[in-house]
Amino acid sequence: MMPTQFPEWFDDGQIRLFTSFIDAHLDHSERFVCISRCSERDVVEYSRRRGDDRPLRTSVITMGANFRVAAANLPRPESAPPGRFILSVGTVEPRKNHALLLDAFDRLTDEIPDLSLAIVGKAGWMTEAITERMRAHPLAGGRLRWLDHVDDDTLDGLYRHAFVSVQPAFYEGFGTPVIEALANGLPTIASNGGALVEAGGARAEFFDPTGSTSS
């Protein structure tokens, strides 16, 4: 539902395509099966804003979480940054809020000399500023690694050897990387945007993605 809620994070073509898609489904579907309570609330609210005169029937069935758990003896990937490293997994796009993550990392690098950051995810859209910042960062290729193409074995190794997982997104409809990290026993810090609190529950720590307040 995000293209209808936060158009500033998407280009015009994405907004038009998604809006026509969701409108057609609202016009013809008997029931919406949603992947989170957050997504359910969002589609119900969109239907209300459209002025639909019939109640929207919904159910929630969360996505499966039978992820592979990395073996304890899995070697550290060669692409991992040195020392203890923060791991953040997700497509590089505006709503993922990588700028806040880099701001926090920059504040911590002097205080914690062995702390590194691995950002895993391909470039999405409207990314020029953040990708240029990552490429031009003084620690790029060393303590800061942007890994835009990794296979499953490499990702498993990163989850196994990371110090902590951080998911700073402004909003998520589900939160798969949070569940992946927790399934691998990785301490997880996530924003309280959208469904991330549902995904992490009592096992994660949360913060305001517009600042630094924990919850």
N, C-alpha and C. Protein backbone atom coordinates (compact mmCIF):
# COMPACT_ATOMS: atom_id res chain seq x y z
N MET A 1 0.80 -1.21 0.00
CA MET A 1 0.00 0.00 0.00
C MET A 1 0.85 1.27 0.00
N MET A 2 2.14 1.12 0.14
CA MET A 2 2.98 2.30 0.35
C MET A 2 2.96 3.32 -0.78
N PRO A 3 2.86 2.92 -2.06
CA PRO A 3 2.78 3.95 -3.10
C PRO A 3 1.58 4.88 -2.95
N THR A 4 0.50 4.40 -2.29
CA THR A 4 -0.67 5.25 -2.06
C THR A 4 -0.53 6.07 -0.79
N GLN A 5 0.34 5.64 0.12
CA GLN A 5 0.51 6.32 1.40
C GLN A 5 1.66 7.32 1.39
N PHE A 6 2.75 6.93 0.72
CA PHE A 6 3.98 7.72 0.74
C PHE A 6 4.49 7.90 -0.69
N PRO A 7 3.79 8.67 -1.50
CA PRO A 7 4.18 8.79 -2.91
C PRO A 7 5.57 9.38 -3.10
N GLU A 8 6.08 10.08 -2.10
CA GLU A 8 7.41 10.68 -2.22
C GLU A 8 8.52 9.64 -2.31
N TRP A 9 8.23 8.41 -1.96
CA TRP A 9 9.24 7.35 -2.02
C TRP A 9 9.23 6.58 -3.33
N PHE A 10 8.35 6.95 -4.26
CA PHE A 10 8.19 6.19 -5.49
C PHE A 10 8.12 7.13 -6.69
N ASP A 11 8.44 6.60 -7.87
CA ASP A 11 8.31 7.44 -9.06
C ASP A 11 6.88 7.35 -9.59
N ASP A 12 6.55 8.23 -10.52
CA ASP A 12 5.17 8.34 -10.99
C ASP A 12 4.67 7.04 -11.62
N GLY A 13 5.53 6.35 -12.36
CA GLY A 13 5.11 5.11 -12.98
C GLY A 13 4.75 4.04 -11.97
N GLN A 14 5.54 3.93 -10.91
CA GLN A 14 5.23 2.95 -9.86
C GLN A 14 3.90 3.27 -9.18
N ILE A 15 3.67 4.55 -8.94
CA ILE A 15 2.43 4.95 -8.27
C ILE A 15 1.22 4.63 -9.14
N ARG A 16 1.30 4.97 -10.43
CA ARG A 16 0.17 4.69 -11.33
C ARG A 16 -0.08 3.19 -11.43
N LEU A 17 0.98 2.41 -11.59
CA LEU A 17 0.82 0.96 -11.75
C LEU A 17 0.22 0.34 -10.50
N PHE A 18 0.74 0.71 -9.33
CA PHE A 18 0.22 0.10 -8.11
C PHE A 18 -1.21 0.54 -7.84
N THR A 19 -1.52 1.81 -8.07
CA THR A 19 -2.87 2.30 -7.81
C THR A 19 -3.89 1.60 -8.69
N SER A 20 -3.56 1.42 -9.97
CA SER A 20 -4.49 0.71 -10.84
C SER A 20 -4.65 -0.75 -10.41
N PHE A 21 -3.57 -1.35 -9.94
CA PHE A 21 -3.59 -2.74 -9.47
C PHE A 21 -4.49 -2.88 -8.24
N ILE A 22 -4.28 -2.03 -7.24
CA ILE A 22 -5.05 -2.18 -6.00
C ILE A 22 -6.51 -1.79 -6.22
N ASP A 23 -6.76 -0.78 -7.06
CA ASP A 23 -8.14 -0.39 -7.34
C ASP A 23 -8.90 -1.53 -8.03
N ALA A 24 -8.26 -2.20 -8.97
CA ALA A 24 -8.93 -3.31 -9.66
C ALA A 24 -9.26 -4.44 -8.69
N HIS A 25 -8.35 -4.72 -7.77
CA HIS A 25 -8.61 -5.78 -6.80
C HIS A 25 -9.71 -5.38 -5.81
N LEU A 26 -9.73 -4.13 -5.42
CA LEU A 26 -10.80 -3.68 -4.53
C LEU A 26 -12.16 -3.74 -5.23
N ASP A 27 -12.17 -3.49 -6.52
CA ASP A 27 -13.43 -3.53 -7.27
C ASP A 27 -13.97 -4.94 -7.45
N HIS A 28 -13.08 -5.94 -7.49
CA HIS A 28 -13.53 -7.28 -7.90
C HIS A 28 -13.28 -8.39 -6.88
N SER A 29 -12.52 -8.14 -5.84
CA SER A 29 -12.18 -9.21 -4.91
C SER A 29 -13.23 -9.38 -3.82
N GLU A 30 -13.41 -10.61 -3.39
CA GLU A 30 -14.32 -10.92 -2.28
C GLU A 30 -13.64 -10.73 -0.93
N ARG A 31 -12.33 -10.95 -0.88
CA ARG A 31 -11.60 -10.87 0.38
C ARG A 31 -10.14 -10.56 0.10
N PHE A 32 -9.54 -9.78 1.00
CA PHE A 32 -8.11 -9.52 0.93
C PHE A 32 -7.41 -10.35 2.00
N VAL A 33 -6.40 -11.11 1.61
CA VAL A 33 -5.56 -11.83 2.55
C VAL A 33 -4.27 -11.02 2.70
N CYS A 34 -4.02 -10.54 3.90
CA CYS A 34 -2.93 -9.60 4.16
C CYS A 34 -1.78 -10.30 4.90
N ILE A 35 -0.56 -9.80 4.70
CA ILE A 35 0.61 -10.44 5.29
C ILE A 35 0.93 -9.94 6.69
N SER A 36 0.22 -8.93 7.18
CA SER A 36 0.44 -8.42 8.53
C SER A 36 -0.78 -7.62 8.95
N ARG A 37 -0.90 -7.39 10.24
CA ARG A 37 -1.98 -6.53 10.73
C ARG A 37 -1.81 -5.11 10.20
N CYS A 38 -0.57 -4.70 10.08
CA CYS A 38 -0.30 -3.37 9.53
C CYS A 38 -0.82 -3.26 8.10
N SER A 39 -0.52 -4.25 7.27
CA SER A 39 -1.00 -4.23 5.88
C SER A 39 -2.53 -4.27 5.82
N GLU A 40 -3.12 -5.02 6.73
CA GLU A 40 -4.58 -5.08 6.79
C GLU A 40 -5.16 -3.70 7.10
N ARG A 41 -4.60 -3.03 8.10
CA ARG A 41 -5.09 -1.68 8.43
C ARG A 41 -4.92 -0.73 7.24
N ASP A 42 -3.81 -0.87 6.55
CA ASP A 42 -3.53 0.05 5.45
C ASP A 42 -4.50 -0.12 4.29
N VAL A 43 -4.82 -1.37 3.94
CA VAL A 43 -5.74 -1.57 2.81
C VAL A 43 -7.16 -1.19 3.20
N VAL A 44 -7.54 -1.43 4.45
CA VAL A 44 -8.87 -1.01 4.91
C VAL A 44 -8.99 0.51 4.87
N GLU A 45 -7.93 1.19 5.31
CA GLU A 45 -7.95 2.66 5.30
C GLU A 45 -8.00 3.20 3.88
N TYR A 46 -7.27 2.57 2.96
CA TYR A 46 -7.30 3.02 1.57
C TYR A 46 -8.69 2.83 0.98
N SER A 47 -9.33 1.70 1.27
CA SER A 47 -10.69 1.46 0.79
C SER A 47 -11.65 2.51 1.33
N ARG A 48 -11.47 2.88 2.59
CA ARG A 48 -12.33 3.91 3.19
C ARG A 48 -12.11 5.24 2.49
N ARG A 49 -10.86 5.60 2.21
CA ARG A 49 -10.57 6.87 1.55
C ARG A 49 -11.12 6.89 0.13
N ARG A 50 -11.18 5.74 -0.51
CA ARG A 50 -11.76 5.66 -1.86
C ARG A 50 -13.25 5.90 -1.85
N GLY A 51 -13.88 5.76 -0.68
CA GLY A 51 -15.32 5.91 -0.59
C GLY A 51 -16.08 4.64 -0.90
N ASP A 52 -15.42 3.48 -0.77
CA ASP A 52 -16.11 2.22 -1.04
C ASP A 52 -17.30 2.06 -0.10
N ASP A 53 -18.43 1.64 -0.66
CA ASP A 53 -19.65 1.58 0.15
C ASP A 53 -19.92 0.19 0.72
N ARG A 54 -19.04 -0.77 0.46
CA ARG A 54 -19.22 -2.09 1.07
C ARG A 54 -18.04 -2.37 1.99
N PRO A 55 -18.30 -3.02 3.12
CA PRO A 55 -17.20 -3.34 4.04
C PRO A 55 -16.18 -4.25 3.36
N LEU A 56 -14.93 -3.99 3.63
CA LEU A 56 -13.87 -4.80 3.04
C LEU A 56 -13.59 -6.00 3.94
N ARG A 57 -13.73 -7.19 3.39
CA ARG A 57 -13.47 -8.41 4.15
C ARG A 57 -11.98 -8.73 4.06
N THR A 58 -11.37 -8.97 5.21
CA THR A 58 -9.93 -9.22 5.24
C THR A 58 -9.60 -10.38 6.17
N SER A 59 -8.46 -10.98 5.91
CA SER A 59 -7.85 -11.96 6.80
C SER A 59 -6.36 -11.68 6.84
N VAL A 60 -5.70 -12.11 7.89
CA VAL A 60 -4.25 -11.96 8.00
C VAL A 60 -3.61 -13.34 8.07
N ILE A 61 -2.73 -13.62 7.14
CA ILE A 61 -1.90 -14.82 7.18
C ILE A 61 -0.47 -14.35 6.93
N THR A 62 0.35 -14.37 7.96
CA THR A 62 1.71 -13.88 7.81
C THR A 62 2.52 -14.82 6.92
N MET A 63 3.52 -14.27 6.28
CA MET A 63 4.36 -15.07 5.39
C MET A 63 5.16 -16.08 6.20
N GLY A 64 5.55 -17.17 5.54
CA GLY A 64 6.29 -18.22 6.22
C GLY A 64 7.65 -17.74 6.70
N ALA A 65 8.14 -18.39 7.72
CA ALA A 65 9.43 -18.01 8.29
C ALA A 65 10.33 -19.23 8.46
N ASN A 66 10.21 -20.19 7.56
CA ASN A 66 11.05 -21.38 7.64
C ASN A 66 12.36 -21.15 6.89
N PHE A 67 13.09 -20.10 7.33
CA PHE A 67 14.33 -19.75 6.67
C PHE A 67 15.44 -20.73 7.05
N ARG A 68 16.41 -20.83 6.16
CA ARG A 68 17.59 -21.60 6.51
C ARG A 68 18.32 -20.91 7.65
N VAL A 69 18.72 -21.67 8.63
CA VAL A 69 19.52 -21.13 9.73
C VAL A 69 20.97 -21.47 9.45
N ALA A 70 21.81 -20.45 9.45
CA ALA A 70 23.21 -20.66 9.11
C ALA A 70 23.87 -21.59 10.11
N ALA A 71 24.67 -22.52 9.60
CA ALA A 71 25.39 -23.45 10.47
C ALA A 71 26.38 -22.70 11.34
N ALA A 72 26.58 -23.22 12.55
CA ALA A 72 27.46 -22.54 13.50
C ALA A 72 28.89 -22.45 12.99
N ASN A 73 29.31 -23.42 12.17
CA ASN A 73 30.69 -23.43 11.67
C ASN A 73 30.83 -22.80 10.29
N LEU A 74 29.81 -22.08 9.85
CA LEU A 74 29.87 -21.44 8.53
C LEU A 74 30.99 -20.41 8.53
N PRO A 75 31.88 -20.45 7.54
CA PRO A 75 33.00 -19.50 7.54
C PRO A 75 32.55 -18.06 7.30
N ARG A 76 33.35 -17.15 7.78
CA ARG A 76 33.09 -15.73 7.56
C ARG A 76 33.30 -15.42 6.07
N PRO A 77 32.31 -14.82 5.41
CA PRO A 77 32.47 -14.52 3.98
C PRO A 77 33.64 -13.57 3.73
N GLU A 78 34.32 -13.78 2.63
CA GLU A 78 35.43 -12.89 2.27
C GLU A 78 34.96 -11.47 2.06
N SER A 79 33.70 -11.31 1.66
CA SER A 79 33.17 -9.96 1.40
C SER A 79 32.76 -9.23 2.67
N ALA A 80 32.76 -9.91 3.81
CA ALA A 80 32.38 -9.25 5.07
C ALA A 80 33.41 -8.19 5.44
N PRO A 81 32.98 -7.10 6.04
CA PRO A 81 33.94 -6.10 6.49
C PRO A 81 34.73 -6.61 7.69
N PRO A 82 35.83 -5.97 8.04
CA PRO A 82 36.65 -6.44 9.15
C PRO A 82 36.00 -6.17 10.51
N GLY A 83 36.49 -6.88 11.52
CA GLY A 83 36.05 -6.64 12.89
C GLY A 83 34.59 -7.00 13.12
N ARG A 84 34.04 -6.40 14.17
CA ARG A 84 32.61 -6.58 14.45
C ARG A 84 31.83 -5.74 13.44
N PHE A 85 30.78 -6.33 12.88
CA PHE A 85 30.07 -5.54 11.87
C PHE A 85 28.56 -5.57 12.07
N ILE A 86 27.97 -4.41 11.78
CA ILE A 86 26.52 -4.25 11.71
C ILE A 86 26.07 -4.77 10.35
N LEU A 87 24.95 -5.49 10.33
CA LEU A 87 24.40 -5.99 9.07
C LEU A 87 23.04 -5.37 8.83
N SER A 88 22.85 -4.82 7.63
CA SER A 88 21.55 -4.27 7.25
C SER A 88 21.20 -4.81 5.87
N VAL A 89 20.08 -5.52 5.77
CA VAL A 89 19.69 -6.21 4.54
C VAL A 89 18.43 -5.58 3.98
N GLY A 90 18.45 -5.23 2.70
CA GLY A 90 17.26 -4.68 2.06
C GLY A 90 17.64 -3.85 0.85
N THR A 91 16.76 -3.81 -0.14
CA THR A 91 16.98 -3.01 -1.33
C THR A 91 17.29 -1.56 -0.95
N VAL A 92 18.23 -0.97 -1.65
CA VAL A 92 18.56 0.44 -1.40
C VAL A 92 17.53 1.29 -2.13
N GLU A 93 16.64 1.90 -1.37
CA GLU A 93 15.57 2.74 -1.91
C GLU A 93 15.19 3.74 -0.82
N PRO A 94 14.45 4.81 -1.15
CA PRO A 94 14.23 5.88 -0.17
C PRO A 94 13.66 5.44 1.17
N ARG A 95 12.66 4.56 1.16
CA ARG A 95 12.00 4.24 2.42
C ARG A 95 12.85 3.39 3.35
N LYS A 96 13.95 2.81 2.84
CA LYS A 96 14.79 1.97 3.68
C LYS A 96 15.65 2.78 4.65
N ASN A 97 15.75 4.10 4.39
CA ASN A 97 16.34 5.00 5.38
C ASN A 97 17.82 4.72 5.65
N HIS A 98 18.57 4.40 4.59
CA HIS A 98 19.99 4.13 4.78
C HIS A 98 20.76 5.37 5.23
N ALA A 99 20.23 6.55 4.95
CA ALA A 99 20.93 7.76 5.38
C ALA A 99 21.04 7.81 6.90
N LEU A 100 19.98 7.43 7.61
CA LEU A 100 20.04 7.41 9.07
C LEU A 100 21.06 6.38 9.55
N LEU A 101 21.10 5.23 8.90
CA LEU A 101 22.07 4.20 9.26
C LEU A 101 23.50 4.70 9.09
N LEU A 102 23.76 5.37 7.99
CA LEU A 102 25.11 5.91 7.77
C LEU A 102 25.43 7.01 8.76
N ASP A 103 24.45 7.84 9.09
CA ASP A 103 24.67 8.88 10.10
C ASP A 103 25.09 8.26 11.43
N ALA A 104 24.37 7.22 11.84
CA ALA A 104 24.68 6.55 13.11
C ALA A 104 26.06 5.89 13.04
N PHE A 105 26.35 5.25 11.93
CA PHE A 105 27.66 4.61 11.77
C PHE A 105 28.78 5.63 11.85
N ASP A 106 28.60 6.77 11.20
CA ASP A 106 29.62 7.81 11.24
C ASP A 106 29.87 8.30 12.66
N ARG A 107 28.83 8.37 13.47
CA ARG A 107 29.01 8.80 14.86
C ARG A 107 29.74 7.76 15.70
N LEU A 108 29.59 6.49 15.33
CA LEU A 108 30.15 5.41 16.14
C LEU A 108 31.57 5.02 15.75
N THR A 109 32.00 5.37 14.55
CA THR A 109 33.27 4.84 14.07
C THR A 109 34.46 5.29 14.92
N ASP A 110 34.45 6.51 15.41
CA ASP A 110 35.56 6.98 16.24
C ASP A 110 35.50 6.36 17.63
N GLU A 111 34.28 6.16 18.14
CA GLU A 111 34.13 5.61 19.49
C GLU A 111 34.44 4.12 19.53
N ILE A 112 34.15 3.40 18.44
CA ILE A 112 34.33 1.95 18.41
C ILE A 112 35.19 1.62 17.19
N PRO A 113 36.51 1.63 17.35
CA PRO A 113 37.41 1.52 16.19
C PRO A 113 37.29 0.23 15.40
N ASP A 114 36.77 -0.85 16.02
CA ASP A 114 36.68 -2.11 15.28
C ASP A 114 35.29 -2.36 14.71
N LEU A 115 34.42 -1.35 14.75
CA LEU A 115 33.05 -1.52 14.27
C LEU A 115 32.97 -1.24 12.77
N SER A 116 32.33 -2.15 12.04
CA SER A 116 32.16 -2.00 10.60
C SER A 116 30.67 -2.12 10.25
N LEU A 117 30.36 -1.88 8.99
CA LEU A 117 28.97 -1.91 8.52
C LEU A 117 28.90 -2.60 7.17
N ALA A 118 28.00 -3.60 7.06
CA ALA A 118 27.73 -4.25 5.78
C ALA A 118 26.29 -3.96 5.39
N ILE A 119 26.11 -3.29 4.26
CA ILE A 119 24.79 -3.02 3.70
C ILE A 119 24.59 -3.98 2.53
N VAL A 120 23.58 -4.84 2.63
CA VAL A 120 23.34 -5.87 1.62
C VAL A 120 22.04 -5.55 0.89
N GLY A 121 22.12 -5.32 -0.40
CA GLY A 121 20.91 -5.04 -1.17
C GLY A 121 21.24 -4.34 -2.48
N LYS A 122 20.51 -4.70 -3.51
CA LYS A 122 20.73 -4.06 -4.80
C LYS A 122 20.17 -2.65 -4.79
N ALA A 123 20.64 -1.83 -5.72
CA ALA A 123 20.11 -0.48 -5.87
C ALA A 123 18.72 -0.55 -6.48
N GLY A 124 17.79 0.18 -5.89
CA GLY A 124 16.43 0.23 -6.39
C GLY A 124 16.21 1.47 -7.23
N TRP A 125 15.41 2.40 -6.73
CA TRP A 125 15.06 3.60 -7.48
C TRP A 125 15.28 4.82 -6.59
N MET A 126 15.45 5.97 -7.24
CA MET A 126 15.65 7.23 -6.53
C MET A 126 16.79 7.08 -5.51
N THR A 127 17.90 6.53 -5.97
CA THR A 127 18.99 6.17 -5.06
C THR A 127 20.28 6.95 -5.28
N GLU A 128 20.27 7.89 -6.21
CA GLU A 128 21.54 8.51 -6.61
C GLU A 128 22.31 9.09 -5.43
N ALA A 129 21.62 9.82 -4.55
CA ALA A 129 22.32 10.48 -3.45
C ALA A 129 22.91 9.48 -2.47
N ILE A 130 22.12 8.47 -2.09
CA ILE A 130 22.61 7.54 -1.08
C ILE A 130 23.68 6.61 -1.64
N THR A 131 23.54 6.17 -2.89
CA THR A 131 24.58 5.30 -3.45
C THR A 131 25.89 6.07 -3.65
N GLU A 132 25.80 7.33 -4.04
CA GLU A 132 27.01 8.14 -4.17
C GLU A 132 27.65 8.34 -2.80
N ARG A 133 26.84 8.54 -1.78
CA ARG A 133 27.39 8.69 -0.42
C ARG A 133 28.13 7.43 0.01
N MET A 134 27.56 6.26 -0.28
CA MET A 134 28.23 5.02 0.11
C MET A 134 29.52 4.82 -0.67
N ARG A 135 29.49 5.09 -1.97
CA ARG A 135 30.69 4.89 -2.79
C ARG A 135 31.81 5.86 -2.41
N ALA A 136 31.43 7.09 -2.05
CA ALA A 136 32.43 8.12 -1.74
C ALA A 136 32.83 8.14 -0.27
N HIS A 137 32.23 7.30 0.54
CA HIS A 137 32.51 7.29 1.98
C HIS A 137 33.99 6.98 2.22
N PRO A 138 34.64 7.67 3.15
CA PRO A 138 36.07 7.42 3.39
C PRO A 138 36.39 5.99 3.82
N LEU A 139 35.40 5.26 4.34
CA LEU A 139 35.64 3.88 4.76
C LEU A 139 35.11 2.86 3.75
N ALA A 140 34.67 3.33 2.58
CA ALA A 140 34.11 2.43 1.57
C ALA A 140 35.14 1.39 1.14
N GLY A 141 34.70 0.15 1.07
CA GLY A 141 35.59 -0.94 0.70
C GLY A 141 36.38 -1.51 1.85
N GLY A 142 36.33 -0.82 2.99
CA GLY A 142 37.00 -1.29 4.19
C GLY A 142 35.98 -1.59 5.27
N ARG A 143 35.85 -0.66 6.22
CA ARG A 143 34.89 -0.86 7.30
C ARG A 143 33.44 -0.65 6.85
N LEU A 144 33.25 -0.05 5.70
CA LEU A 144 31.92 0.07 5.11
C LEU A 144 31.89 -0.71 3.81
N ARG A 145 31.00 -1.70 3.74
CA ARG A 145 30.86 -2.50 2.53
C ARG A 145 29.41 -2.45 2.06
N TRP A 146 29.23 -2.05 0.80
CA TRP A 146 27.91 -2.17 0.16
C TRP A 146 27.98 -3.38 -0.75
N LEU A 147 27.24 -4.42 -0.40
CA LEU A 147 27.24 -5.67 -1.15
C LEU A 147 25.94 -5.76 -1.92
N ASP A 148 25.98 -5.40 -3.19
CA ASP A 148 24.73 -5.30 -3.96
C ASP A 148 24.33 -6.61 -4.63
N HIS A 149 25.20 -7.61 -4.62
CA HIS A 149 24.85 -8.93 -5.16
C HIS A 149 25.50 -9.99 -4.28
N VAL A 150 24.72 -10.70 -3.49
CA VAL A 150 25.25 -11.79 -2.68
C VAL A 150 24.37 -13.03 -2.89
N ASP A 151 24.99 -14.20 -2.86
CA ASP A 151 24.21 -15.43 -2.96
C ASP A 151 23.73 -15.85 -1.57
N ASP A 152 22.91 -16.90 -1.54
CA ASP A 152 22.32 -17.32 -0.27
C ASP A 152 23.38 -17.76 0.74
N ASP A 153 24.41 -18.46 0.28
CA ASP A 153 25.44 -18.93 1.20
C ASP A 153 26.19 -17.75 1.83
N THR A 154 26.47 -16.74 1.02
CA THR A 154 27.15 -15.55 1.55
C THR A 154 26.27 -14.84 2.56
N LEU A 155 24.98 -14.70 2.24
CA LEU A 155 24.07 -14.04 3.18
C LEU A 155 23.98 -14.83 4.48
N ASP A 156 23.93 -16.16 4.39
CA ASP A 156 23.92 -16.98 5.60
C ASP A 156 25.16 -16.70 6.44
N GLY A 157 26.31 -16.61 5.78
CA GLY A 157 27.55 -16.34 6.50
C GLY A 157 27.56 -14.97 7.15
N LEU A 158 26.99 -13.99 6.48
CA LEU A 158 26.91 -12.65 7.06
C LEU A 158 26.01 -12.65 8.29
N TYR A 159 24.87 -13.34 8.21
CA TYR A 159 24.01 -13.44 9.38
C TYR A 159 24.72 -14.15 10.53
N ARG A 160 25.50 -15.17 10.22
CA ARG A 160 26.17 -15.93 11.27
C ARG A 160 27.25 -15.12 11.96
N HIS A 161 27.95 -14.26 11.24
CA HIS A 161 29.12 -13.58 11.79
C HIS A 161 28.87 -12.12 12.16
N ALA A 162 27.70 -11.59 11.85
CA ALA A 162 27.43 -10.18 12.20
C ALA A 162 27.35 -9.98 13.70
N PHE A 163 27.57 -8.77 14.11
CA PHE A 163 27.49 -8.37 15.51
C PHE A 163 26.05 -8.04 15.88
N VAL A 164 25.33 -7.38 14.97
CA VAL A 164 23.95 -6.98 15.20
C VAL A 164 23.31 -6.70 13.84
N SER A 165 22.00 -6.89 13.75
CA SER A 165 21.24 -6.52 12.56
C SER A 165 20.48 -5.24 12.84
N VAL A 166 20.53 -4.31 11.90
CA VAL A 166 19.81 -3.04 12.04
C VAL A 166 18.94 -2.83 10.81
N GLN A 167 17.66 -2.56 11.05
CA GLN A 167 16.70 -2.30 9.97
C GLN A 167 16.05 -0.93 10.22
N PRO A 168 16.54 0.12 9.56
CA PRO A 168 16.10 1.47 9.86
C PRO A 168 14.95 1.99 9.01
N ALA A 169 14.25 1.13 8.27
CA ALA A 169 13.25 1.57 7.30
C ALA A 169 12.19 2.47 7.93
N PHE A 170 11.76 3.45 7.16
CA PHE A 170 10.66 4.29 7.62
C PHE A 170 9.37 3.48 7.76
N TYR A 171 9.20 2.49 6.87
CA TYR A 171 7.93 1.75 6.87
C TYR A 171 8.15 0.42 6.17
N GLU A 172 7.53 -0.63 6.69
CA GLU A 172 7.56 -1.95 6.06
C GLU A 172 6.18 -2.58 6.17
N GLY A 173 5.84 -3.37 5.15
CA GLY A 173 4.58 -4.09 5.20
C GLY A 173 4.67 -5.42 5.90
N PHE A 174 5.91 -5.92 6.08
CA PHE A 174 6.10 -7.18 6.80
C PHE A 174 7.39 -7.16 7.61
N GLY A 175 8.54 -7.27 6.98
CA GLY A 175 9.80 -7.22 7.73
C GLY A 175 10.59 -8.51 7.68
N THR A 176 10.76 -9.07 6.48
CA THR A 176 11.47 -10.34 6.35
C THR A 176 12.89 -10.32 6.92
N PRO A 177 13.72 -9.28 6.68
CA PRO A 177 15.07 -9.32 7.24
C PRO A 177 15.10 -9.37 8.77
N VAL A 178 14.12 -8.80 9.42
CA VAL A 178 14.05 -8.90 10.88
C VAL A 178 13.87 -10.35 11.30
N ILE A 179 12.96 -11.04 10.64
CA ILE A 179 12.70 -12.44 10.98
C ILE A 179 13.89 -13.31 10.62
N GLU A 180 14.53 -13.05 9.49
CA GLU A 180 15.74 -13.80 9.12
C GLU A 180 16.82 -13.64 10.18
N ALA A 181 17.04 -12.41 10.62
CA ALA A 181 18.08 -12.16 11.61
C ALA A 181 17.77 -12.87 12.92
N LEU A 182 16.54 -12.75 13.39
CA LEU A 182 16.16 -13.39 14.64
C LEU A 182 16.23 -14.91 14.53
N ALA A 183 15.87 -15.46 13.38
CA ALA A 183 15.95 -16.91 13.19
C ALA A 183 17.38 -17.40 13.30
N ASN A 184 18.34 -16.53 12.99
CA ASN A 184 19.75 -16.88 13.10
C ASN A 184 20.35 -16.47 14.44
N GLY A 185 19.50 -16.06 15.38
CA GLY A 185 19.98 -15.71 16.71
C GLY A 185 20.74 -14.41 16.77
N LEU A 186 20.54 -13.55 15.78
CA LEU A 186 21.29 -12.29 15.71
C LEU A 186 20.54 -11.19 16.44
N PRO A 187 21.16 -10.51 17.40
CA PRO A 187 20.50 -9.37 18.04
C PRO A 187 20.04 -8.38 16.98
N THR A 188 18.83 -7.87 17.16
CA THR A 188 18.20 -7.09 16.10
C THR A 188 17.63 -5.79 16.64
N ILE A 189 17.96 -4.71 15.94
CA ILE A 189 17.43 -3.39 16.23
C ILE A 189 16.70 -2.94 14.98
N ALA A 190 15.47 -2.49 15.14
CA ALA A 190 14.66 -2.10 13.98
C ALA A 190 13.87 -0.85 14.29
N SER A 191 13.46 -0.17 13.24
CA SER A 191 12.57 0.97 13.44
C SER A 191 11.19 0.46 13.84
N ASN A 192 10.39 1.37 14.35
CA ASN A 192 9.00 1.01 14.69
C ASN A 192 8.05 1.37 13.56
N GLY A 193 8.57 1.43 12.33
CA GLY A 193 7.76 1.82 11.18
C GLY A 193 6.97 0.66 10.60
N GLY A 194 5.69 0.84 10.43
CA GLY A 194 4.85 -0.18 9.80
C GLY A 194 4.79 -1.46 10.59
N ALA A 195 5.08 -2.58 9.91
CA ALA A 195 4.91 -3.91 10.51
C ALA A 195 6.16 -4.42 11.22
N LEU A 196 7.20 -3.62 11.35
CA LEU A 196 8.44 -4.14 11.92
C LEU A 196 8.28 -4.55 13.38
N VAL A 197 7.44 -3.85 14.13
CA VAL A 197 7.21 -4.24 15.52
C VAL A 197 6.51 -5.59 15.57
N GLU A 198 5.59 -5.83 14.64
CA GLU A 198 4.96 -7.16 14.54
C GLU A 198 6.01 -8.22 14.24
N ALA A 199 6.91 -7.93 13.33
CA ALA A 199 7.91 -8.92 12.92
C ALA A 199 8.87 -9.24 14.05
N GLY A 200 9.31 -8.23 14.77
CA GLY A 200 10.31 -8.44 15.81
C GLY A 200 9.75 -8.83 17.16
N GLY A 201 8.54 -8.35 17.46
CA GLY A 201 7.92 -8.67 18.74
C GLY A 201 8.80 -8.31 19.92
N ALA A 202 8.81 -9.18 20.92
CA ALA A 202 9.57 -8.93 22.14
C ALA A 202 11.05 -9.24 21.98
N ARG A 203 11.45 -9.78 20.84
CA ARG A 203 12.83 -10.22 20.66
C ARG A 203 13.73 -9.16 20.04
N ALA A 204 13.17 -8.04 19.62
CA ALA A 204 13.96 -6.99 18.99
C ALA A 204 13.82 -5.70 19.79
N GLU A 205 14.74 -4.78 19.55
CA GLU A 205 14.66 -3.43 20.10
C GLU A 205 14.25 -2.50 18.96
N PHE A 206 13.50 -1.45 19.31
CA PHE A 206 12.92 -0.59 18.29
C PHE A 206 13.24 0.89 18.54
N PHE A 207 13.25 1.66 17.46
CA PHE A 207 13.52 3.09 17.55
C PHE A 207 12.67 3.84 16.54
N ASP A 208 12.55 5.12 16.74
CA ASP A 208 11.82 6.00 15.83
C ASP A 208 12.70 6.26 14.60
N PRO A 209 12.27 5.91 13.39
CA PRO A 209 13.12 6.08 12.22
C PRO A 209 13.35 7.54 11.83
N THR A 210 12.62 8.45 12.43
CA THR A 210 12.86 9.86 12.16
C THR A 210 13.86 10.47 13.13
N GLY A 211 14.33 9.69 14.09
CA GLY A 211 15.27 10.20 15.09
C GLY A 211 16.02 9.06 15.72
N SER A 212 16.13 9.10 17.05
CA SER A 212 16.90 8.06 17.73
C SER A 212 16.22 7.56 18.99
N THR A 213 14.92 7.82 19.16
CA THR A 213 14.23 7.41 20.38
C THR A 213 13.93 5.93 20.33
N SER A 214 14.31 5.17 21.35
CA SER A 214 14.03 3.74 21.40
C SER A 214 12.65 3.51 21.95
N SER A 215 12.10 2.31 21.68
CA SER A 215 10.78 1.96 22.19
C SER A 215 10.77 0.52 22.65
